[in-house]
Amino acid sequence: MRHLSRLSPRSATGAGRVPAARTQAGRPAGDGRRSGGRLPSLTGLRFTAAAGVVFTHCALLSSPRLARTLGPEVWVGASAVSLFFILSGYVLTHSARPTDTARSFWRRRAAKILPNHVLTWCVVVGALAFAGTAASGAGSGMVAHLASLFLVNTWVPSERFLSAGNPVSWSLAAEGFFYLLFPVLLPWIRRLSRRGLLIGAVSAIALVWAGPVFSTLVLHPGGQLFPGRWFLYMLPVARLPEFVLGMIAARISAEGIPLPRIGVLPAALGVISAVIVNSSLLPHDFMYAASTVAPLVVLVHATAELDLRGGPSLLRTAPLVFLGEISYAMYLVHLVVLGLAYLGLTHLGWSALTAILVALPLVFLFSWLLYAGVERPCMQRFSTSRAHRGDRPHVSTTP
């Protein structure tokens, strides 16, 4: 299998490696920054993204009317998913090795996402079958569940397919698509000049904004929710510009391109303001990603700069890094735990809010159990071949 750096339209120099980018003065680019090092602040930021998704689902369970009114609480979760995609592109690009192969990259990604996904899929489908839910046993229902298992369900514009299996795993279908393309995209982005990187970032943001314009004018000019939600929110190719934007942001950081210095707190406030203000000003189609994509990439860049520059960072503290490590497991288990607790406790007469408050500690417990019992051991065992095991520390990227 060829090196990742050789999967490019132009042949690389030397032993098949992409030569280090250089500035106009002939010095190595990147402002002397180390490539491939850990970025613990971004790991902490992953927890805040997972917490945003959990918050939205808690809000929807406690007040189902939000699903109809689509208030700011709903768009917190949508923006958190967009943050996941940008983070994924950034960290994968930052941690990419010039000598890596596409096969070894795909192996690490499979070892990261598949064990948790397969286990939670089995739990959900098994629970549906035990409860006698028709969707789990009917022919079309099982086809949808199997499509969810193989992470291809979001390519089908059908509500049955989009909600099949573990419903939150729809984003993994997008991530799988990104991972498939990453070995091809990386050499192109590495070859971009400083000016090309800035143009690429603006172009990616423009593409994210072009999606809702097309959806509003063509897909559903009458304002209906579907298929716009599928096209803008769940169709993997529609989310690709956010992943590419994260890749470009990582290269901008590595090149040391001077940008206006924006701190993490102002960037975070920009994201929050975009969610609150734009949810009442813009059509819903623009809230899935377009409204917050620019402030989100600024937030990711500002957070990474804390580690690259060695500045103090609350997100780098041990508790938040630990929560970031278990955030992928939390993302997969939270809706199942919340839903079962809500159904069981409200059936006994408990209020929805009380049921959610009881369920939240269980979400953290099961997240840790899934991470410690499945995710981490599988990463250690299967992420590299036996000949190369232990060559490189694990860098978390997936939500």
Protein backbone atom coordinates (compact mmCIF):
# COMPACT_ATOMS: atom_id res chain seq x y z
CA MET A 1 0.00 0.00 0.00
CA ARG A 2 1.32 3.43 -0.89
CA HIS A 3 2.13 6.10 1.64
CA LEU A 4 -0.61 8.63 2.32
CA SER A 5 1.68 11.34 1.00
CA ARG A 6 1.96 9.48 -2.31
CA LEU A 7 -1.77 9.33 -2.90
CA SER A 8 -1.68 12.61 -4.78
CA PRO A 9 -2.18 13.67 -8.37
CA ARG A 10 1.49 14.67 -8.63
CA SER A 11 4.40 12.46 -7.71
CA ALA A 12 6.27 13.40 -4.56
CA THR A 13 10.02 13.78 -4.35
CA GLY A 14 12.51 11.60 -2.60
CA ALA A 15 11.31 8.31 -1.17
CA GLY A 16 7.69 9.02 -1.95
CA ARG A 17 7.22 11.65 0.79
CA VAL A 18 5.76 15.08 0.43
CA PRO A 19 8.56 17.59 0.94
CA ALA A 20 8.13 19.94 3.85
CA ALA A 21 6.36 23.13 2.87
CA ARG A 22 8.62 26.15 2.81
CA THR A 23 8.13 29.85 3.15
CA GLN A 24 9.16 32.34 0.50
CA ALA A 25 12.41 32.88 2.36
CA GLY A 26 13.23 29.18 1.97
CA ARG A 27 12.86 28.28 5.65
CA PRO A 28 10.71 25.35 6.72
CA ALA A 29 7.15 26.48 7.19
CA GLY A 30 5.23 26.09 10.38
CA ASP A 31 7.08 28.72 12.43
CA GLY A 32 9.13 25.97 14.06
CA ARG A 33 6.04 24.22 15.34
CA ARG A 34 6.05 20.53 16.04
CA SER A 35 3.74 18.44 13.87
CA GLY A 36 1.92 15.41 15.17
CA GLY A 37 2.07 16.27 18.88
CA ARG A 38 -0.91 15.82 21.13
CA LEU A 39 -3.39 18.64 21.50
CA PRO A 40 -5.06 17.95 24.87
CA SER A 41 -7.08 21.16 24.78
CA LEU A 42 -8.88 19.86 21.69
CA THR A 43 -9.59 16.64 23.57
CA GLY A 44 -11.22 18.73 26.30
CA LEU A 45 -13.13 20.65 23.63
CA ARG A 46 -14.55 17.35 22.37
CA PHE A 47 -16.27 16.91 25.71
CA THR A 48 -17.98 20.29 25.40
CA ALA A 49 -19.24 19.19 21.97
CA ALA A 50 -20.56 15.91 23.36
CA ALA A 51 -22.15 17.81 26.24
CA GLY A 52 -23.91 20.03 23.70
CA VAL A 53 -25.50 17.00 22.05
CA VAL A 54 -26.51 15.56 25.43
CA PHE A 55 -28.00 18.92 26.42
CA THR A 56 -30.14 19.07 23.28
CA HIS A 57 -31.51 15.56 23.78
CA CYS A 58 -32.23 16.28 27.44
CA ALA A 59 -34.09 19.43 26.41
CA LEU A 60 -36.12 17.53 23.81
CA LEU A 61 -37.08 14.83 26.31
CA SER A 62 -38.08 17.34 28.97
CA SER A 63 -40.03 19.50 26.52
CA PRO A 64 -41.10 17.70 23.31
CA ARG A 65 -42.56 20.93 21.93
CA LEU A 66 -38.96 22.01 21.15
CA ALA A 67 -38.92 19.46 18.34
CA ARG A 68 -41.72 21.45 16.73
CA THR A 69 -40.56 24.98 17.52
CA LEU A 70 -36.84 24.32 16.90
CA GLY A 71 -35.60 26.77 19.52
CA PRO A 72 -31.93 27.55 20.28
CA GLU A 73 -31.71 24.45 22.49
CA VAL A 74 -32.09 22.26 19.41
CA TRP A 75 -29.38 24.07 17.47
CA VAL A 76 -26.86 23.64 20.29
CA GLY A 77 -26.71 19.94 19.40
CA ALA A 78 -26.57 20.62 15.66
CA SER A 79 -23.67 23.03 16.17
CA ALA A 80 -21.92 20.48 18.38
CA VAL A 81 -22.04 17.94 15.55
CA SER A 82 -20.53 20.51 13.20
CA LEU A 83 -17.80 21.07 15.79
CA PHE A 84 -17.11 17.31 15.80
CA PHE A 85 -16.60 17.29 12.03
CA ILE A 86 -14.25 20.30 12.07
CA LEU A 87 -12.31 18.86 15.01
CA SER A 88 -11.94 15.54 13.23
CA GLY A 89 -10.42 17.15 10.14
CA TYR A 90 -8.11 19.30 12.24
CA VAL A 91 -6.72 16.58 14.51
CA LEU A 92 -6.33 13.96 11.78
CA THR A 93 -4.34 16.42 9.67
CA HIS A 94 -2.25 17.60 12.61
CA SER A 95 -1.37 14.04 13.63
CA ALA A 96 -0.83 12.60 10.12
CA ARG A 97 2.55 10.92 9.57
CA PRO A 98 4.36 11.38 6.24
CA THR A 99 5.25 7.67 6.21
CA ASP A 100 1.72 6.50 6.99
CA THR A 101 -0.21 4.34 4.55
CA ALA A 102 -3.88 4.50 3.71
CA ARG A 103 -4.31 0.97 5.02
CA SER A 104 -2.78 1.73 8.43
CA PHE A 105 -4.81 4.93 8.68
CA TRP A 106 -8.06 3.11 7.93
CA ARG A 107 -7.12 0.39 10.38
CA ARG A 108 -6.68 2.88 13.22
CA ARG A 109 -9.96 4.59 12.41
CA ALA A 110 -11.81 1.27 12.25
CA ALA A 111 -10.33 0.20 15.59
CA LYS A 112 -11.50 3.50 17.07
CA ILE A 113 -15.09 3.74 15.89
CA LEU A 114 -16.34 0.25 15.05
CA PRO A 115 -16.21 -1.66 18.37
CA ASN A 116 -18.30 0.93 20.24
CA HIS A 117 -20.62 1.32 17.28
CA VAL A 118 -21.25 -2.39 16.79
CA LEU A 119 -21.85 -2.98 20.50
CA THR A 120 -24.31 -0.10 20.92
CA TRP A 121 -26.06 -1.10 17.67
CA CYS A 122 -26.55 -4.61 19.06
CA VAL A 123 -27.94 -3.23 22.32
CA VAL A 124 -30.45 -0.96 20.57
CA VAL A 125 -31.63 -3.48 17.98
CA GLY A 126 -31.74 -6.22 20.61
CA ALA A 127 -33.83 -4.02 22.90
CA LEU A 128 -36.22 -3.23 20.04
CA ALA A 129 -36.57 -6.91 19.22
CA PHE A 130 -37.16 -7.76 22.88
CA ALA A 131 -39.83 -5.07 23.12
CA GLY A 132 -41.48 -6.42 19.99
CA THR A 133 -41.15 -3.19 18.03
CA ALA A 134 -42.43 -3.76 14.50
CA ALA A 135 -39.62 -1.76 12.91
CA SER A 136 -37.03 -4.18 14.24
CA GLY A 137 -38.64 -7.26 12.73
CA ALA A 138 -40.18 -6.10 9.47
CA GLY A 139 -38.17 -6.70 6.33
CA SER A 140 -37.69 -3.04 5.47
CA GLY A 141 -36.93 -2.26 9.10
CA MET A 142 -34.16 -4.85 9.30
CA VAL A 143 -32.68 -3.59 6.05
CA ALA A 144 -32.56 -0.10 7.55
CA HIS A 145 -30.94 -1.43 10.72
CA LEU A 146 -28.32 -3.30 8.70
CA ALA A 147 -27.64 -0.16 6.68
CA SER A 148 -27.07 1.62 9.98
CA LEU A 149 -24.71 -1.14 11.13
CA PHE A 150 -22.60 -0.73 7.97
CA LEU A 151 -22.81 3.08 8.22
CA VAL A 152 -24.47 3.64 4.85
CA ASN A 153 -27.98 4.50 6.03
CA THR A 154 -27.57 8.28 5.71
CA TRP A 155 -27.14 7.98 1.95
CA VAL A 156 -30.83 7.03 1.73
CA PRO A 157 -33.39 9.88 1.99
CA SER A 158 -35.76 7.94 4.23
CA GLU A 159 -36.78 8.68 7.80
CA ARG A 160 -36.82 4.95 8.52
CA PHE A 161 -33.19 4.61 7.45
CA LEU A 162 -32.03 7.79 9.18
CA SER A 163 -33.41 6.71 12.56
CA ALA A 164 -32.40 3.04 12.28
CA GLY A 165 -30.07 1.30 14.71
CA ASN A 166 -28.58 3.61 17.31
CA PRO A 167 -30.02 6.92 16.02
CA VAL A 168 -27.01 9.04 16.96
CA SER A 169 -24.69 6.84 14.89
CA TRP A 170 -25.77 8.67 11.74
CA SER A 171 -22.78 11.00 12.19
CA LEU A 172 -20.43 8.00 12.03
CA ALA A 173 -21.59 7.41 8.45
CA ALA A 174 -20.31 10.89 7.63
CA GLU A 175 -17.07 10.28 9.54
CA GLY A 176 -16.56 7.00 7.68
CA PHE A 177 -16.94 8.85 4.38
CA PHE A 178 -14.40 11.44 5.53
CA TYR A 179 -11.94 8.73 6.55
CA LEU A 180 -12.29 7.05 3.17
CA LEU A 181 -11.35 10.29 1.39
CA PHE A 182 -8.71 11.52 3.84
CA PRO A 183 -5.69 9.79 2.21
CA VAL A 184 -6.63 11.45 -1.09
CA LEU A 185 -7.44 14.88 0.34
CA LEU A 186 -4.37 15.24 2.56
CA PRO A 187 -1.71 15.48 -0.19
CA TRP A 188 -3.74 18.12 -2.01
CA ILE A 189 -4.12 20.24 1.11
CA ARG A 190 -0.45 19.83 2.00
CA ARG A 191 0.50 21.26 -1.38
CA LEU A 192 -1.56 24.44 -1.00
CA SER A 193 0.38 27.65 -0.64
CA ARG A 194 -0.33 30.02 2.23
CA ARG A 195 -2.61 32.02 -0.01
CA GLY A 196 -4.22 28.80 -1.26
CA LEU A 197 -4.97 27.73 2.30
CA LEU A 198 -6.76 30.99 3.05
CA ILE A 199 -8.71 30.79 -0.21
CA GLY A 200 -9.56 27.17 0.56
CA ALA A 201 -10.87 28.06 4.02
CA VAL A 202 -13.11 30.80 2.62
CA SER A 203 -14.29 28.46 -0.15
CA ALA A 204 -15.17 25.70 2.34
CA ILE A 205 -17.22 28.13 4.40
CA ALA A 206 -18.92 29.38 1.23
CA LEU A 207 -19.82 25.80 0.29
CA VAL A 208 -21.40 25.25 3.70
CA TRP A 209 -23.51 28.36 3.13
CA ALA A 210 -24.38 27.31 -0.43
CA GLY A 211 -26.07 24.14 0.86
CA PRO A 212 -29.01 25.82 2.62
CA VAL A 213 -29.42 28.27 -0.25
CA PHE A 214 -29.85 25.32 -2.65
CA SER A 215 -32.09 23.49 -0.19
CA THR A 216 -34.34 26.49 0.38
CA LEU A 217 -34.70 27.35 -3.30
CA VAL A 218 -34.82 23.86 -4.83
CA LEU A 219 -35.47 21.04 -2.36
CA HIS A 220 -38.29 22.50 -0.31
CA PRO A 221 -39.26 26.06 -1.32
CA GLY A 222 -42.47 25.54 0.63
CA GLY A 223 -40.58 25.29 3.91
CA GLN A 224 -41.15 21.62 4.82
CA LEU A 225 -38.52 20.04 7.09
CA PHE A 226 -37.76 16.96 4.99
CA PRO A 227 -35.77 16.34 2.74
CA GLY A 228 -33.88 19.49 3.69
CA ARG A 229 -32.84 18.02 7.04
CA TRP A 230 -31.47 14.92 5.35
CA PHE A 231 -29.62 16.85 2.65
CA LEU A 232 -28.08 19.48 4.92
CA TYR A 233 -27.62 17.60 8.17
CA MET A 234 -27.14 13.90 7.44
CA LEU A 235 -25.98 13.42 3.85
CA PRO A 236 -22.21 12.76 4.22
CA VAL A 237 -21.12 14.61 1.10
CA ALA A 238 -22.93 17.74 2.30
CA ARG A 239 -20.89 17.70 5.53
CA LEU A 240 -17.55 17.17 3.77
CA PRO A 241 -16.72 20.93 3.55
CA GLU A 242 -16.70 21.14 7.36
CA PHE A 243 -14.19 18.29 7.61
CA VAL A 244 -12.03 19.84 4.87
CA LEU A 245 -12.24 23.19 6.66
CA GLY A 246 -10.80 21.51 9.76
CA MET A 247 -7.98 20.04 7.65
CA ILE A 248 -7.19 23.45 6.18
CA ALA A 249 -7.25 25.06 9.64
CA ALA A 250 -4.65 22.54 10.82
CA ARG A 251 -2.39 23.42 7.90
CA ILE A 252 -2.85 27.13 8.59
CA SER A 253 -1.69 26.51 12.16
CA ALA A 254 1.26 24.39 11.01
CA GLU A 255 2.32 27.05 8.52
CA GLY A 256 2.20 29.73 11.20
CA ILE A 257 0.09 32.00 9.00
CA PRO A 258 -0.53 35.18 10.99
CA LEU A 259 -4.20 35.64 11.77
CA PRO A 260 -6.01 38.03 14.10
CA ARG A 261 -5.52 36.71 17.63
CA ILE A 262 -8.90 35.66 19.03
CA GLY A 263 -9.03 33.96 22.41
CA VAL A 264 -10.99 30.85 23.24
CA LEU A 265 -13.55 32.70 25.36
CA PRO A 266 -14.43 35.31 22.69
CA ALA A 267 -14.59 32.52 20.09
CA ALA A 268 -16.92 30.47 22.30
CA LEU A 269 -19.11 33.50 22.90
CA GLY A 270 -19.24 33.99 19.13
CA VAL A 271 -20.58 30.46 18.69
CA ILE A 272 -23.17 30.90 21.45
CA SER A 273 -24.26 34.24 20.01
CA ALA A 274 -24.62 32.75 16.54
CA VAL A 275 -26.87 29.99 17.91
CA ILE A 276 -29.08 32.29 19.96
CA VAL A 277 -29.36 35.24 17.58
CA ASN A 278 -29.45 33.46 14.24
CA SER A 279 -32.02 30.89 15.35
CA SER A 280 -34.58 33.71 15.39
CA LEU A 281 -33.29 35.52 12.30
CA LEU A 282 -32.35 32.84 9.76
CA PRO A 283 -34.40 30.06 8.16
CA HIS A 284 -33.90 26.67 9.78
CA ASP A 285 -31.84 25.38 6.86
CA PHE A 286 -29.04 27.79 7.75
CA MET A 287 -28.87 26.59 11.35
CA TYR A 288 -27.72 23.03 10.66
CA ALA A 289 -24.17 24.23 9.97
CA ALA A 290 -23.90 27.47 7.99
CA SER A 291 -24.74 29.84 10.82
CA THR A 292 -21.98 28.59 13.11
CA VAL A 293 -19.32 27.15 10.79
CA ALA A 294 -17.11 30.27 10.79
CA PRO A 295 -17.15 30.87 14.59
CA LEU A 296 -16.65 27.13 15.18
CA VAL A 297 -13.48 26.93 13.11
CA VAL A 298 -12.21 30.04 14.87
CA LEU A 299 -12.89 28.28 18.19
CA VAL A 300 -11.00 25.16 17.10
CA HIS A 301 -8.04 27.25 15.87
CA ALA A 302 -7.95 29.32 19.06
CA THR A 303 -8.12 26.21 21.25
CA ALA A 304 -5.31 24.47 19.35
CA GLU A 305 -3.18 27.60 19.63
CA LEU A 306 -3.24 27.26 23.41
CA ASP A 307 -1.31 24.01 23.09
CA LEU A 308 0.84 25.05 20.13
CA ARG A 309 1.95 28.21 21.93
CA GLY A 310 2.12 26.62 25.37
CA GLY A 311 -0.47 28.95 26.89
CA PRO A 312 -2.62 28.13 29.93
CA SER A 313 -5.75 26.17 29.14
CA LEU A 314 -8.65 25.05 31.28
CA LEU A 315 -9.53 22.53 28.58
CA ARG A 316 -6.14 20.88 29.14
CA THR A 317 -6.85 20.03 32.76
CA ALA A 318 -6.97 16.34 33.67
CA PRO A 319 -10.75 16.15 34.36
CA LEU A 320 -11.71 17.72 31.02
CA VAL A 321 -9.17 15.68 29.08
CA PHE A 322 -10.56 12.52 30.71
CA LEU A 323 -14.11 13.56 29.81
CA GLY A 324 -12.91 14.26 26.28
CA GLU A 325 -11.46 10.76 26.08
CA ILE A 326 -14.78 9.17 26.97
CA SER A 327 -16.80 11.60 24.85
CA TYR A 328 -17.13 9.23 21.90
CA ALA A 329 -18.56 6.54 24.17
CA MET A 330 -20.79 9.18 25.76
CA TYR A 331 -22.07 10.24 22.38
CA LEU A 332 -23.09 6.67 21.52
CA VAL A 333 -24.67 5.64 24.84
CA HIS A 334 -26.33 8.81 26.10
CA LEU A 335 -29.55 8.67 24.08
CA VAL A 336 -30.14 5.01 24.90
CA VAL A 337 -29.63 5.59 28.63
CA LEU A 338 -31.67 8.80 28.67
CA GLY A 339 -34.49 7.23 26.67
CA LEU A 340 -34.77 4.10 28.79
CA ALA A 341 -34.67 6.09 32.04
CA TYR A 342 -37.24 8.55 30.71
CA LEU A 343 -39.66 5.83 29.60
CA GLY A 344 -39.28 3.78 32.77
CA LEU A 345 -39.40 6.56 35.36
CA THR A 346 -42.12 8.68 33.76
CA HIS A 347 -44.22 5.53 33.49
CA LEU A 348 -43.89 5.31 37.29
CA GLY A 349 -45.12 8.88 37.67
CA TRP A 350 -41.80 10.71 37.88
CA SER A 351 -41.46 14.05 36.14
CA ALA A 352 -39.42 14.24 32.95
CA LEU A 353 -36.85 16.54 34.58
CA THR A 354 -36.36 14.21 37.53
CA ALA A 355 -35.95 11.23 35.21
CA ILE A 356 -33.27 13.08 33.24
CA LEU A 357 -31.38 14.13 36.38
CA VAL A 358 -31.36 10.52 37.55
CA ALA A 359 -30.18 9.31 34.13
CA LEU A 360 -27.26 11.73 33.69
CA PRO A 361 -24.93 10.02 36.23
CA LEU A 362 -25.73 6.73 34.51
CA VAL A 363 -24.71 8.26 31.19
CA PHE A 364 -21.26 9.04 32.61
CA LEU A 365 -21.00 5.60 34.21
CA PHE A 366 -21.84 3.67 31.05
CA SER A 367 -19.65 5.98 28.98
CA TRP A 368 -16.66 5.18 31.16
CA LEU A 369 -17.45 1.46 31.12
CA LEU A 370 -17.69 1.44 27.31
CA TYR A 371 -14.47 3.43 26.98
CA ALA A 372 -12.47 1.41 29.51
CA GLY A 373 -13.92 -1.99 28.62
CA VAL A 374 -14.23 -1.79 24.83
CA GLU A 375 -12.85 1.32 23.14
CA ARG A 376 -9.43 1.60 24.79
CA PRO A 377 -8.61 -2.14 24.72
CA CYS A 378 -9.63 -2.41 21.07
CA MET A 379 -7.50 0.61 20.17
CA GLN A 380 -4.51 -0.91 21.91
CA ARG A 381 -5.06 -4.31 20.33
CA PHE A 382 -6.19 -3.54 16.79
CA SER A 383 -5.11 0.00 15.83
CA THR A 384 -1.70 -1.15 14.55
CA SER A 385 -0.28 -4.34 13.19
CA ARG A 386 1.74 -6.48 15.57
CA ALA A 387 4.97 -5.45 13.85
CA HIS A 388 4.34 -1.75 14.45
CA ARG A 389 2.48 -1.86 17.76
CA GLY A 390 3.79 0.69 20.25
CA ASP A 391 5.46 2.86 17.60
CA ARG A 392 3.16 5.81 18.20
CA PRO A 393 0.84 7.07 20.95
CA HIS A 394 -2.85 7.13 20.24
CA VAL A 395 -4.31 10.49 19.21
CA SER A 396 -8.07 10.78 19.74
CA THR A 397 -10.05 12.39 16.98
CA THR A 398 -13.49 10.91 16.76
CA PRO A 399 -16.40 12.45 18.69
